Amino acid sequence: MNLWMWLLLACLLGYGWKLLGYLVPASLLRNPRMSRIAGTMTIGLLASLTIVNAVASGQALALDARIGALAAAGIALWLRAPFLVVVLAGAGAAAGLRLLGWS
């Protein structure tokens, strides 16, 4: 199979999975436990995606300015800064570290 067939298959599977969500009974969705589980899974998936994008370069680990940007954004979040400030802190840290040659 070529790459386009795999891509189409992945799209169809994703769309089918989304359509399958309409078959979930409403009583299950109103359950507070289910809301807690869904919220926790969302946070976990986003955190893991962030970490993988920050430290991976292909199949290898990369320690570069992205780590500094993540640390700066984490500190801004810890200080309860608004979202725009968090993004700007991360971008500024990455730009500063790359300017200093830590790419």
Protein backbone atom coordinates (compact mmCIF):
# COMPACT_ATOMS: atom_id res chain seq x y z
CA MET A 1 0.00 0.00 0.00
CA ASN A 2 1.29 3.43 -0.79
CA LEU A 3 1.27 6.41 1.55
CA TRP A 4 -1.98 7.90 0.20
CA MET A 5 -3.90 4.69 0.86
CA TRP A 6 -2.68 4.65 4.47
CA LEU A 7 -3.64 8.30 4.84
CA LEU A 8 -7.15 7.67 3.48
CA LEU A 9 -7.52 4.64 5.72
CA ALA A 10 -6.50 6.70 8.76
CA CYS A 11 -9.00 9.42 7.80
CA LEU A 12 -11.80 6.89 7.40
CA LEU A 13 -11.00 5.25 10.72
CA GLY A 14 -10.92 8.62 12.49
CA TYR A 15 -14.23 9.67 10.95
CA GLY A 16 -15.77 6.29 11.80
CA TRP A 17 -14.59 6.61 15.40
CA LYS A 18 -16.20 10.05 15.60
CA LEU A 19 -19.47 8.73 14.19
CA LEU A 20 -19.38 5.88 16.68
CA GLY A 21 -19.48 8.50 19.44
CA TYR A 22 -23.07 9.32 18.48
CA LEU A 23 -24.10 5.81 19.54
CA VAL A 24 -23.00 6.35 23.16
CA PRO A 25 -26.09 6.55 25.39
CA ALA A 26 -26.84 9.98 26.87
CA SER A 27 -27.12 8.50 30.38
CA LEU A 28 -23.46 7.47 30.19
CA LEU A 29 -22.42 10.97 29.15
CA ARG A 30 -24.28 12.56 32.09
CA ASN A 31 -22.40 10.41 34.58
CA PRO A 32 -20.01 12.62 36.64
CA ARG A 33 -17.41 9.86 36.72
CA MET A 34 -17.33 9.79 32.91
CA SER A 35 -16.82 13.56 32.79
CA ARG A 36 -13.91 13.25 35.22
CA ILE A 37 -12.32 10.45 33.18
CA ALA A 38 -12.72 12.36 29.92
CA GLY A 39 -11.22 15.50 31.43
CA THR A 40 -8.28 13.61 32.89
CA MET A 41 -7.58 11.81 29.62
CA THR A 42 -7.62 15.09 27.72
CA ILE A 43 -5.08 16.65 30.07
CA GLY A 44 -2.87 13.57 29.95
CA LEU A 45 -2.91 13.37 26.16
CA LEU A 46 -2.13 17.07 25.78
CA ALA A 47 0.71 16.87 28.30
CA SER A 48 2.26 13.85 26.60
CA LEU A 49 1.99 15.48 23.17
CA THR A 50 3.66 18.62 24.53
CA ILE A 51 6.53 16.66 26.06
CA VAL A 52 7.09 14.56 22.94
CA ASN A 53 7.15 17.68 20.75
CA ALA A 54 9.55 19.39 23.16
CA VAL A 55 12.19 16.67 23.46
CA ALA A 56 11.94 14.56 20.29
CA SER A 57 13.57 15.14 16.96
CA GLY A 58 12.64 12.24 14.71
CA GLN A 59 13.67 9.07 16.54
CA ALA A 60 16.17 10.79 18.84
CA LEU A 61 16.00 12.97 21.91
CA ALA A 62 16.91 16.61 21.37
CA LEU A 63 17.82 19.00 24.15
CA ASP A 64 17.52 22.40 22.55
CA ALA A 65 15.72 25.73 22.97
CA ARG A 66 12.35 23.98 23.11
CA ILE A 67 13.18 22.74 26.62
CA GLY A 68 13.88 26.30 27.75
CA ALA A 69 10.65 27.49 26.14
CA LEU A 70 8.69 24.76 27.90
CA ALA A 71 10.32 25.67 31.23
CA ALA A 72 9.53 29.38 30.75
CA ALA A 73 5.93 28.61 29.85
CA GLY A 74 5.66 26.27 32.84
CA ILE A 75 6.93 28.97 35.18
CA ALA A 76 4.47 31.46 33.71
CA LEU A 77 1.65 28.96 34.23
CA TRP A 78 2.81 28.35 37.79
CA LEU A 79 2.64 32.12 38.38
CA ARG A 80 -0.92 32.03 36.98
CA ALA A 81 -0.14 34.31 34.07
CA PRO A 82 -2.75 34.79 31.34
CA PHE A 83 -2.51 32.43 28.37
CA LEU A 84 -1.11 35.06 26.02
CA VAL A 85 1.67 35.84 28.51
CA VAL A 86 2.45 32.11 28.78
CA VAL A 87 2.77 31.82 24.99
CA LEU A 88 4.89 34.96 24.76
CA ALA A 89 7.15 33.78 27.60
CA GLY A 90 7.76 30.48 25.84
CA ALA A 91 8.35 32.12 22.47
CA GLY A 92 10.64 34.73 23.99
CA ALA A 93 12.65 32.11 25.86
CA ALA A 94 13.05 30.01 22.70
CA ALA A 95 14.10 33.05 20.68
CA GLY A 96 16.57 34.17 23.34
CA LEU A 97 18.11 30.72 23.69
CA ARG A 98 18.45 30.35 19.93
CA LEU A 99 20.03 33.79 19.76
CA LEU A 100 22.57 32.60 22.33
CA GLY A 101 23.33 29.59 20.11
CA TRP A 102 21.44 26.87 21.97
CA SER A 103 19.59 25.41 19.04
